[in-house]
N, C-alpha and C. Protein backbone atom coordinates (compact mmCIF):
# COMPACT_ATOMS: atom_id res chain seq x y z
N UNK A 1 -3.26 -2.43 19.98
CA UNK A 1 -2.14 -1.80 19.26
C UNK A 1 -0.85 -2.40 19.80
N UNK A 2 0.04 -2.64 18.94
CA UNK A 2 1.35 -3.20 19.32
C UNK A 2 2.18 -2.16 19.99
N UNK A 3 3.11 -2.55 20.86
CA UNK A 3 3.96 -1.62 21.55
C UNK A 3 5.35 -1.53 20.91
N UNK A 4 5.54 -2.32 19.85
CA UNK A 4 6.81 -2.30 19.13
C UNK A 4 7.09 -0.91 18.58
N UNK A 5 8.35 -0.57 18.46
CA UNK A 5 8.69 0.73 17.81
C UNK A 5 8.30 0.65 16.39
N UNK A 6 7.90 1.77 15.81
CA UNK A 6 7.51 1.77 14.38
C UNK A 6 8.74 1.41 13.53
N UNK A 7 8.48 0.75 12.42
CA UNK A 7 9.54 0.50 11.45
C UNK A 7 10.00 1.83 10.86
N UNK A 8 11.26 1.88 10.58
CA UNK A 8 11.83 3.11 9.98
C UNK A 8 12.72 2.72 8.74
N UNK A 9 13.14 3.68 8.08
CA UNK A 9 14.01 3.47 6.88
C UNK A 9 15.12 2.47 7.16
N UNK A 10 15.78 2.62 8.32
CA UNK A 10 16.91 1.75 8.63
C UNK A 10 16.50 0.38 9.14
N UNK A 11 15.17 0.11 9.19
CA UNK A 11 14.70 -1.23 9.47
C UNK A 11 14.80 -2.20 8.27
N UNK A 12 15.10 -1.65 7.08
CA UNK A 12 15.15 -2.42 5.87
C UNK A 12 16.54 -2.37 5.22
N UNK A 13 16.90 -3.45 4.56
CA UNK A 13 18.16 -3.46 3.80
C UNK A 13 17.89 -2.91 2.41
N UNK A 14 18.85 -2.25 1.89
CA UNK A 14 18.93 -1.88 0.49
C UNK A 14 17.71 -1.09 -0.13
N UNK A 15 17.14 -0.22 0.62
CA UNK A 15 16.07 0.60 0.05
C UNK A 15 16.59 1.53 -0.97
N UNK A 16 15.83 1.70 -2.07
CA UNK A 16 16.18 2.62 -3.12
C UNK A 16 15.05 3.60 -3.30
N UNK A 17 15.34 4.90 -3.32
CA UNK A 17 14.25 5.86 -3.45
C UNK A 17 13.66 5.82 -4.84
N UNK A 18 12.52 6.42 -4.94
CA UNK A 18 11.88 6.62 -6.32
C UNK A 18 12.85 7.43 -7.11
N UNK A 19 13.26 6.94 -8.28
CA UNK A 19 14.27 7.67 -9.09
C UNK A 19 13.61 8.74 -9.97
N UNK A 20 12.39 8.51 -10.45
CA UNK A 20 11.69 9.48 -11.28
C UNK A 20 10.30 9.65 -10.78
N UNK A 21 10.11 10.51 -9.75
CA UNK A 21 8.79 10.65 -9.18
C UNK A 21 7.82 11.35 -10.13
N UNK A 22 6.60 10.79 -10.22
CA UNK A 22 5.54 11.37 -11.00
C UNK A 22 4.35 11.70 -10.04
N UNK A 23 3.91 12.89 -10.03
CA UNK A 23 2.72 13.27 -9.20
C UNK A 23 1.56 12.50 -9.62
N UNK A 24 0.85 11.84 -8.72
CA UNK A 24 -0.34 11.17 -9.03
C UNK A 24 -1.49 12.18 -9.15
N UNK A 25 -2.18 12.18 -10.27
CA UNK A 25 -3.29 13.20 -10.46
C UNK A 25 -4.48 12.88 -9.59
N UNK A 26 -4.65 11.63 -9.19
CA UNK A 26 -5.76 11.19 -8.37
C UNK A 26 -5.28 10.32 -7.24
N UNK A 27 -5.73 10.61 -5.99
CA UNK A 27 -5.34 9.79 -4.89
C UNK A 27 -6.62 9.18 -4.25
N UNK A 28 -6.47 8.14 -3.48
CA UNK A 28 -7.66 7.53 -2.87
C UNK A 28 -8.45 8.55 -2.06
N UNK A 29 -9.76 8.44 -2.07
CA UNK A 29 -10.66 9.35 -1.31
C UNK A 29 -10.86 8.86 0.12
N UNK A 30 -10.41 7.75 0.46
CA UNK A 30 -10.69 7.18 1.79
C UNK A 30 -10.15 8.07 2.93
N UNK A 31 -10.91 8.08 3.99
CA UNK A 31 -10.47 8.72 5.20
C UNK A 31 -10.08 7.61 6.16
N UNK A 32 -8.86 7.61 6.59
CA UNK A 32 -8.31 6.68 7.56
C UNK A 32 -8.55 7.23 9.00
N UNK A 33 -9.04 6.42 9.87
CA UNK A 33 -9.24 6.87 11.24
C UNK A 33 -7.88 7.11 11.93
N UNK A 34 -7.94 7.79 13.05
CA UNK A 34 -6.65 8.02 13.80
C UNK A 34 -6.07 6.67 14.23
N UNK A 35 -6.92 5.73 14.60
CA UNK A 35 -6.38 4.39 14.98
C UNK A 35 -5.73 3.72 13.75
N UNK A 36 -6.32 3.82 12.58
CA UNK A 36 -5.67 3.28 11.38
C UNK A 36 -4.40 3.94 11.04
N UNK A 37 -4.36 5.30 11.21
CA UNK A 37 -3.14 6.03 10.98
C UNK A 37 -2.00 5.61 11.91
N UNK A 38 -2.41 5.34 13.18
CA UNK A 38 -1.40 4.81 14.11
C UNK A 38 -0.84 3.49 13.66
N UNK A 39 -1.71 2.63 13.14
CA UNK A 39 -1.22 1.36 12.60
C UNK A 39 -0.39 1.54 11.32
N UNK A 40 -0.78 2.42 10.47
CA UNK A 40 0.00 2.72 9.27
C UNK A 40 1.41 3.21 9.69
N UNK A 41 1.47 4.03 10.67
CA UNK A 41 2.77 4.52 11.19
C UNK A 41 3.69 3.42 11.70
N UNK A 42 3.10 2.34 12.06
CA UNK A 42 3.90 1.16 12.57
C UNK A 42 4.73 0.52 11.42
N UNK A 43 4.26 0.75 10.19
CA UNK A 43 4.87 0.16 9.01
C UNK A 43 4.62 -1.32 8.85
N UNK A 44 5.22 -1.87 7.85
CA UNK A 44 5.03 -3.30 7.53
C UNK A 44 6.35 -3.84 6.91
N UNK A 45 6.75 -4.98 7.41
CA UNK A 45 8.02 -5.61 6.88
C UNK A 45 7.65 -6.99 6.33
N UNK A 46 7.89 -7.18 5.03
CA UNK A 46 7.60 -8.48 4.38
C UNK A 46 8.39 -9.50 5.06
N UNK A 47 7.76 -10.67 5.31
CA UNK A 47 8.39 -11.75 6.06
C UNK A 47 8.94 -12.90 5.17
N UNK A 48 8.43 -13.02 3.94
CA UNK A 48 8.88 -14.05 3.04
C UNK A 48 8.75 -13.62 1.58
N UNK A 49 9.12 -14.51 0.71
CA UNK A 49 9.19 -14.21 -0.75
C UNK A 49 7.80 -13.98 -1.37
N UNK A 50 6.72 -14.42 -0.71
CA UNK A 50 5.38 -14.22 -1.29
C UNK A 50 4.86 -12.85 -0.97
N UNK A 51 5.49 -12.14 -0.09
CA UNK A 51 5.11 -10.81 0.29
C UNK A 51 5.82 -9.79 -0.58
N UNK A 52 5.13 -8.83 -1.12
CA UNK A 52 5.70 -7.91 -2.13
C UNK A 52 6.09 -6.55 -1.64
N UNK A 53 5.60 -6.15 -0.45
CA UNK A 53 5.71 -4.75 -0.05
C UNK A 53 6.30 -4.60 1.35
N UNK A 54 7.10 -3.51 1.48
CA UNK A 54 7.57 -2.97 2.74
C UNK A 54 7.08 -1.57 2.85
N UNK A 55 6.72 -1.13 4.11
CA UNK A 55 6.20 0.18 4.32
C UNK A 55 6.72 0.75 5.60
N UNK A 56 6.96 2.09 5.54
CA UNK A 56 7.39 2.82 6.74
C UNK A 56 6.92 4.28 6.54
N UNK A 57 6.90 4.99 7.63
CA UNK A 57 6.45 6.39 7.60
C UNK A 57 7.53 7.28 8.17
N UNK A 58 7.73 8.42 7.52
CA UNK A 58 8.60 9.48 8.05
C UNK A 58 7.71 10.75 8.05
N UNK A 59 7.49 11.27 9.24
CA UNK A 59 6.64 12.44 9.36
C UNK A 59 5.22 12.03 8.96
N UNK A 60 4.69 12.65 7.95
CA UNK A 60 3.33 12.39 7.44
C UNK A 60 3.36 11.64 6.09
N UNK A 61 4.51 11.09 5.72
CA UNK A 61 4.72 10.46 4.40
C UNK A 61 4.89 8.96 4.58
N UNK A 62 4.03 8.22 3.92
CA UNK A 62 4.14 6.71 3.86
C UNK A 62 4.94 6.37 2.64
N UNK A 63 5.98 5.56 2.82
CA UNK A 63 6.83 5.08 1.74
C UNK A 63 6.54 3.60 1.51
N UNK A 64 6.20 3.24 0.28
CA UNK A 64 5.93 1.84 -0.11
C UNK A 64 6.99 1.37 -1.06
N UNK A 65 7.75 0.36 -0.63
CA UNK A 65 8.86 -0.19 -1.48
C UNK A 65 8.57 -1.67 -1.77
N UNK A 66 9.02 -2.09 -2.94
CA UNK A 66 8.93 -3.53 -3.27
C UNK A 66 9.95 -4.24 -2.36
N UNK A 67 9.52 -5.37 -1.82
CA UNK A 67 10.32 -6.04 -0.85
C UNK A 67 11.57 -6.72 -1.44
N UNK A 68 11.47 -7.25 -2.65
CA UNK A 68 12.59 -8.01 -3.19
C UNK A 68 13.70 -7.02 -3.67
N UNK A 69 13.31 -5.94 -4.40
CA UNK A 69 14.28 -5.04 -4.95
C UNK A 69 14.64 -3.87 -4.11
N UNK A 70 13.75 -3.55 -3.12
CA UNK A 70 13.93 -2.38 -2.33
C UNK A 70 13.58 -1.08 -3.01
N UNK A 71 13.08 -1.14 -4.20
CA UNK A 71 12.76 0.08 -4.97
C UNK A 71 11.48 0.71 -4.45
N UNK A 72 11.54 2.00 -4.32
CA UNK A 72 10.38 2.78 -3.94
C UNK A 72 9.39 2.84 -5.12
N UNK A 73 8.12 2.66 -4.83
CA UNK A 73 7.09 2.69 -5.88
C UNK A 73 6.10 3.85 -5.59
N UNK A 74 5.68 3.96 -4.33
CA UNK A 74 4.71 5.02 -3.97
C UNK A 74 5.20 5.74 -2.79
N UNK A 75 4.87 7.04 -2.70
CA UNK A 75 5.06 7.86 -1.50
C UNK A 75 3.75 8.68 -1.39
N UNK A 76 3.10 8.52 -0.20
CA UNK A 76 1.83 9.19 -0.02
C UNK A 76 1.89 10.12 1.19
N UNK A 77 1.53 11.33 0.99
CA UNK A 77 1.49 12.36 2.05
C UNK A 77 0.10 12.44 2.67
N UNK A 78 0.03 12.22 4.00
CA UNK A 78 -1.20 12.26 4.71
C UNK A 78 -1.37 13.56 5.44
N UNK A 79 -2.58 14.00 5.62
CA UNK A 79 -2.88 15.15 6.49
C UNK A 79 -4.10 14.95 7.30
N UNK A 80 -4.16 15.51 8.53
CA UNK A 80 -5.37 15.40 9.31
C UNK A 80 -6.47 16.17 8.66
N UNK A 81 -7.76 15.70 8.87
CA UNK A 81 -8.90 16.44 8.34
C UNK A 81 -9.79 16.85 9.47
N UNK A 82 -10.57 17.89 9.25
CA UNK A 82 -11.55 18.38 10.21
C UNK A 82 -12.49 17.23 10.59
N UNK A 83 -12.79 17.08 11.84
CA UNK A 83 -13.68 15.98 12.26
C UNK A 83 -12.93 14.71 12.58
N UNK A 84 -11.61 14.67 12.34
CA UNK A 84 -10.83 13.47 12.73
C UNK A 84 -10.48 12.65 11.51
N UNK A 85 -9.42 11.90 11.65
CA UNK A 85 -8.97 11.04 10.60
C UNK A 85 -7.93 11.68 9.77
N UNK A 86 -7.46 10.96 8.76
CA UNK A 86 -6.40 11.41 7.84
C UNK A 86 -6.82 11.03 6.43
N UNK A 87 -6.34 11.90 5.50
CA UNK A 87 -6.54 11.61 4.05
C UNK A 87 -5.18 11.72 3.35
N UNK A 88 -5.04 11.08 2.27
CA UNK A 88 -3.90 11.33 1.39
C UNK A 88 -4.10 12.61 0.64
N UNK A 89 -3.21 13.55 0.79
CA UNK A 89 -3.39 14.86 0.15
C UNK A 89 -2.56 14.96 -1.12
N UNK A 90 -1.53 14.14 -1.24
CA UNK A 90 -0.74 14.07 -2.46
C UNK A 90 0.07 12.76 -2.47
N UNK A 91 0.43 12.34 -3.64
CA UNK A 91 1.21 11.09 -3.74
C UNK A 91 2.04 11.12 -5.01
N UNK A 92 3.15 10.40 -5.01
CA UNK A 92 3.98 10.21 -6.19
C UNK A 92 4.12 8.74 -6.47
N UNK A 93 4.39 8.41 -7.71
CA UNK A 93 4.64 7.04 -8.11
C UNK A 93 5.91 7.03 -8.96
N UNK A 94 6.57 5.88 -8.97
CA UNK A 94 7.79 5.76 -9.79
C UNK A 94 7.43 5.83 -11.26
N UNK A 95 8.06 6.66 -12.02
CA UNK A 95 7.77 6.82 -13.46
C UNK A 95 8.84 6.15 -14.35
N UNK A 96 9.95 5.71 -13.76
CA UNK A 96 11.00 5.07 -14.60
C UNK A 96 10.51 3.65 -14.88
N UNK A 97 10.24 3.33 -16.13
CA UNK A 97 9.72 2.06 -16.49
C UNK A 97 10.72 0.92 -16.31
N UNK A 98 11.97 1.22 -16.08
CA UNK A 98 12.98 0.17 -15.80
C UNK A 98 12.68 -0.37 -14.39
N UNK A 99 12.02 0.43 -13.54
CA UNK A 99 11.79 0.04 -12.19
C UNK A 99 10.32 -0.28 -11.82
N UNK A 100 9.42 0.32 -12.58
CA UNK A 100 7.98 0.05 -12.34
C UNK A 100 7.20 0.43 -13.61
N UNK A 101 6.39 -0.52 -14.09
CA UNK A 101 5.64 -0.26 -15.31
C UNK A 101 4.20 -0.05 -14.88
N UNK A 102 3.74 1.18 -14.85
CA UNK A 102 2.41 1.50 -14.43
C UNK A 102 1.50 1.35 -15.60
N UNK A 103 0.33 0.69 -15.38
CA UNK A 103 -0.70 0.56 -16.44
C UNK A 103 -1.48 1.88 -16.56
N UNK A 104 -1.31 2.83 -15.65
CA UNK A 104 -2.03 4.10 -15.77
C UNK A 104 -2.43 4.66 -14.45
N UNK A 105 -2.91 5.87 -14.49
CA UNK A 105 -3.24 6.62 -13.25
C UNK A 105 -4.35 5.91 -12.42
N UNK A 106 -5.31 5.40 -13.08
CA UNK A 106 -6.41 4.74 -12.33
C UNK A 106 -5.91 3.53 -11.59
N UNK A 107 -5.01 2.74 -12.20
CA UNK A 107 -4.34 1.57 -11.57
C UNK A 107 -3.57 2.06 -10.35
N UNK A 108 -2.77 3.08 -10.53
CA UNK A 108 -1.90 3.55 -9.42
C UNK A 108 -2.78 4.01 -8.23
N UNK A 109 -3.82 4.71 -8.49
CA UNK A 109 -4.72 5.14 -7.41
C UNK A 109 -5.30 3.95 -6.67
N UNK A 110 -5.72 2.94 -7.38
CA UNK A 110 -6.34 1.76 -6.81
C UNK A 110 -5.25 0.97 -6.01
N UNK A 111 -4.06 0.79 -6.65
CA UNK A 111 -3.02 0.01 -6.01
C UNK A 111 -2.52 0.69 -4.73
N UNK A 112 -2.42 2.00 -4.73
CA UNK A 112 -2.01 2.66 -3.49
C UNK A 112 -2.95 2.36 -2.36
N UNK A 113 -4.24 2.49 -2.56
CA UNK A 113 -5.19 2.21 -1.51
C UNK A 113 -5.19 0.69 -1.18
N UNK A 114 -5.10 -0.18 -2.15
CA UNK A 114 -5.06 -1.61 -1.91
C UNK A 114 -3.88 -2.03 -1.08
N UNK A 115 -2.69 -1.55 -1.37
CA UNK A 115 -1.51 -1.93 -0.60
C UNK A 115 -1.63 -1.42 0.80
N UNK A 116 -2.11 -0.21 1.01
CA UNK A 116 -2.32 0.31 2.38
C UNK A 116 -3.33 -0.52 3.12
N UNK A 117 -4.42 -0.82 2.51
CA UNK A 117 -5.54 -1.54 3.16
C UNK A 117 -5.18 -2.98 3.37
N UNK A 118 -4.77 -3.73 2.34
CA UNK A 118 -4.65 -5.14 2.48
C UNK A 118 -3.30 -5.52 3.10
N UNK A 119 -2.24 -4.82 2.75
CA UNK A 119 -0.90 -5.21 3.23
C UNK A 119 -0.59 -4.51 4.55
N UNK A 120 -0.64 -3.21 4.56
CA UNK A 120 -0.21 -2.48 5.77
C UNK A 120 -1.23 -2.74 6.89
N UNK A 121 -2.52 -2.59 6.62
CA UNK A 121 -3.51 -2.73 7.65
C UNK A 121 -4.05 -4.13 7.83
N UNK A 122 -3.84 -4.96 6.82
CA UNK A 122 -4.28 -6.36 6.90
C UNK A 122 -5.77 -6.56 6.75
N UNK A 123 -6.45 -5.61 6.11
CA UNK A 123 -7.87 -5.74 5.86
C UNK A 123 -8.14 -6.66 4.73
N UNK A 124 -9.32 -7.28 4.69
CA UNK A 124 -9.66 -8.17 3.59
C UNK A 124 -9.67 -7.43 2.21
N UNK A 125 -10.09 -6.16 2.22
CA UNK A 125 -10.08 -5.31 1.03
C UNK A 125 -10.78 -5.98 -0.17
N UNK A 126 -11.85 -6.69 0.07
CA UNK A 126 -12.56 -7.45 -0.93
C UNK A 126 -12.96 -6.57 -2.11
N UNK A 127 -13.54 -5.41 -1.82
CA UNK A 127 -14.02 -4.55 -2.94
C UNK A 127 -12.80 -4.03 -3.75
N UNK A 128 -11.76 -3.66 -3.08
CA UNK A 128 -10.56 -3.21 -3.81
C UNK A 128 -9.93 -4.27 -4.66
N UNK A 129 -9.90 -5.48 -4.12
CA UNK A 129 -9.34 -6.57 -4.92
C UNK A 129 -10.23 -6.85 -6.15
N UNK A 130 -11.54 -6.81 -5.99
CA UNK A 130 -12.43 -7.01 -7.13
C UNK A 130 -12.25 -5.89 -8.12
N UNK A 131 -12.08 -4.68 -7.68
CA UNK A 131 -11.83 -3.50 -8.54
C UNK A 131 -10.53 -3.69 -9.31
N UNK A 132 -9.47 -4.27 -8.71
CA UNK A 132 -8.20 -4.50 -9.37
C UNK A 132 -8.43 -5.54 -10.50
N UNK A 133 -9.17 -6.61 -10.19
CA UNK A 133 -9.41 -7.66 -11.22
C UNK A 133 -10.19 -7.02 -12.39
N UNK A 134 -11.23 -6.25 -12.11
CA UNK A 134 -12.01 -5.59 -13.20
C UNK A 134 -11.20 -4.64 -13.97
N UNK A 135 -10.42 -3.80 -13.34
CA UNK A 135 -9.60 -2.85 -14.01
C UNK A 135 -8.57 -3.52 -14.91
N UNK A 136 -7.94 -4.54 -14.36
CA UNK A 136 -6.91 -5.27 -15.15
C UNK A 136 -7.52 -5.92 -16.39
N UNK A 137 -8.73 -6.52 -16.23
CA UNK A 137 -9.41 -7.09 -17.38
C UNK A 137 -9.77 -6.07 -18.39
N UNK A 138 -10.22 -4.92 -17.94
CA UNK A 138 -10.62 -3.85 -18.86
C UNK A 138 -9.38 -3.29 -19.60
N UNK A 139 -8.25 -3.10 -18.87
CA UNK A 139 -7.09 -2.56 -19.51
C UNK A 139 -6.41 -3.53 -20.43
N UNK A 140 -6.49 -4.83 -20.10
CA UNK A 140 -5.81 -5.82 -20.96
C UNK A 140 -6.69 -6.35 -22.07
N UNK A 141 -8.05 -6.20 -21.87
CA UNK A 141 -8.93 -6.75 -22.84
C UNK A 141 -9.13 -8.24 -22.64
N UNK A 142 -8.60 -8.79 -21.55
CA UNK A 142 -8.64 -10.21 -21.27
C UNK A 142 -9.39 -10.41 -19.97
N UNK A 143 -10.28 -11.38 -19.97
CA UNK A 143 -11.04 -11.71 -18.75
C UNK A 143 -10.68 -13.07 -18.15
N UNK A 144 -9.61 -13.64 -18.68
CA UNK A 144 -9.34 -15.04 -18.34
C UNK A 144 -8.20 -15.19 -17.33
N UNK A 145 -7.63 -14.14 -16.81
CA UNK A 145 -6.53 -14.28 -15.84
C UNK A 145 -7.09 -14.73 -14.49
N UNK A 146 -6.47 -15.77 -13.93
CA UNK A 146 -6.97 -16.28 -12.63
C UNK A 146 -6.80 -15.14 -11.59
N UNK A 147 -7.85 -14.87 -10.87
CA UNK A 147 -7.87 -13.78 -9.89
C UNK A 147 -6.73 -13.89 -8.89
N UNK A 148 -6.53 -15.10 -8.35
CA UNK A 148 -5.48 -15.29 -7.33
C UNK A 148 -4.10 -15.04 -7.90
N UNK A 149 -3.85 -15.41 -9.14
CA UNK A 149 -2.52 -15.18 -9.73
C UNK A 149 -2.27 -13.69 -9.93
N UNK A 150 -3.29 -13.01 -10.42
CA UNK A 150 -3.22 -11.54 -10.65
C UNK A 150 -2.87 -10.85 -9.33
N UNK A 151 -3.68 -11.11 -8.30
CA UNK A 151 -3.48 -10.45 -7.05
C UNK A 151 -2.06 -10.78 -6.43
N UNK A 152 -1.72 -12.06 -6.52
CA UNK A 152 -0.43 -12.46 -5.94
C UNK A 152 0.72 -11.72 -6.69
N UNK A 153 0.59 -11.57 -8.04
CA UNK A 153 1.67 -10.98 -8.77
C UNK A 153 1.88 -9.48 -8.48
N UNK A 154 0.82 -8.80 -8.16
CA UNK A 154 0.98 -7.35 -7.95
C UNK A 154 0.80 -6.94 -6.51
N UNK A 155 -0.04 -7.56 -5.72
CA UNK A 155 -0.24 -7.22 -4.33
C UNK A 155 0.59 -8.11 -3.39
N UNK A 156 0.60 -9.38 -3.69
CA UNK A 156 1.30 -10.31 -2.87
C UNK A 156 0.44 -10.72 -1.63
N UNK A 157 1.05 -11.38 -0.70
CA UNK A 157 0.40 -11.87 0.50
C UNK A 157 0.78 -10.96 1.66
N UNK A 158 0.07 -11.15 2.75
CA UNK A 158 0.44 -10.49 3.99
C UNK A 158 0.48 -11.55 5.09
N UNK A 159 1.62 -11.68 5.71
CA UNK A 159 1.70 -12.66 6.80
C UNK A 159 1.04 -12.19 8.03
N UNK A 160 0.71 -13.05 8.89
CA UNK A 160 0.18 -12.68 10.22
C UNK A 160 1.31 -12.88 11.25
N UNK A 161 2.42 -12.21 10.98
CA UNK A 161 3.55 -12.32 11.88
C UNK A 161 3.16 -11.75 13.24
N UNK A 162 3.94 -12.10 14.30
CA UNK A 162 3.58 -11.61 15.60
C UNK A 162 3.45 -10.09 15.64
N UNK A 163 4.27 -9.39 14.90
CA UNK A 163 4.18 -7.89 14.88
C UNK A 163 2.85 -7.45 14.38
N UNK A 164 2.30 -8.08 13.33
CA UNK A 164 1.09 -7.61 12.73
C UNK A 164 -0.14 -8.40 13.16
N UNK A 165 0.01 -9.50 13.82
CA UNK A 165 -1.14 -10.36 14.06
C UNK A 165 -2.23 -9.62 14.87
N UNK A 166 -1.89 -8.76 15.79
CA UNK A 166 -2.93 -8.08 16.55
C UNK A 166 -3.56 -6.94 15.79
N UNK A 167 -2.99 -6.62 14.58
CA UNK A 167 -3.45 -5.47 13.83
C UNK A 167 -4.26 -5.93 12.58
N UNK A 168 -4.65 -7.13 12.53
CA UNK A 168 -5.39 -7.62 11.33
C UNK A 168 -6.88 -7.78 11.48
N UNK A 169 -7.42 -7.07 12.46
CA UNK A 169 -8.91 -7.22 12.69
C UNK A 169 -9.67 -6.57 11.56
N UNK A 170 -10.40 -7.41 10.80
CA UNK A 170 -11.16 -6.87 9.65
C UNK A 170 -12.29 -5.95 10.11
N UNK A 171 -12.61 -5.90 11.40
CA UNK A 171 -13.65 -5.05 11.92
C UNK A 171 -13.08 -3.80 12.53
N UNK A 172 -12.00 -3.32 11.95
CA UNK A 172 -11.40 -2.07 12.45
C UNK A 172 -12.38 -0.91 12.31
N UNK A 173 -12.01 0.18 12.87
CA UNK A 173 -12.90 1.35 12.87
C UNK A 173 -12.74 2.18 11.61
N UNK A 174 -12.67 1.48 10.50
CA UNK A 174 -12.52 2.14 9.15
C UNK A 174 -13.68 3.06 8.93
N UNK A 175 -13.34 4.25 8.47
CA UNK A 175 -14.35 5.15 8.03
C UNK A 175 -14.17 5.35 6.55
N UNK A 176 -15.19 5.32 5.74
CA UNK A 176 -15.00 5.40 4.29
C UNK A 176 -15.48 6.74 3.90
């Protein structure tokens, strides 16, 4: 675990809150271990233009903002569960289509987990990435979009910056 102070709201320039929050009817079922929650609390700061997301935690709420615009897209409230670990108990997504065009609830549920897993935690998230490709093909009716282009356009990359390099172990103690 890194000893750097967690990222906070003031670690980022020009953050804009979600302007029209919409309660997400479905949230990821995943249970994050205490170690993963500690890593989530460290946040994530996009390092270059290929990275799409910034993340920070206040209390038990994870805020996910687009890195270029600073606009808030997701806010997820975590709570401890019996037996250890944390779950998302509620979440909101930006509903103002001028700022975020959601393809639907299923997409938002998947994207929330994918951004946390692949970007914040640095996991390979192979199954989630495949699910995003399948869902996008089903929603669009097109199966010909290059997988890499799709993922890059919505998820982006994650650098292995010194702050996150020690936190990218794909063999983390993830509990599903």
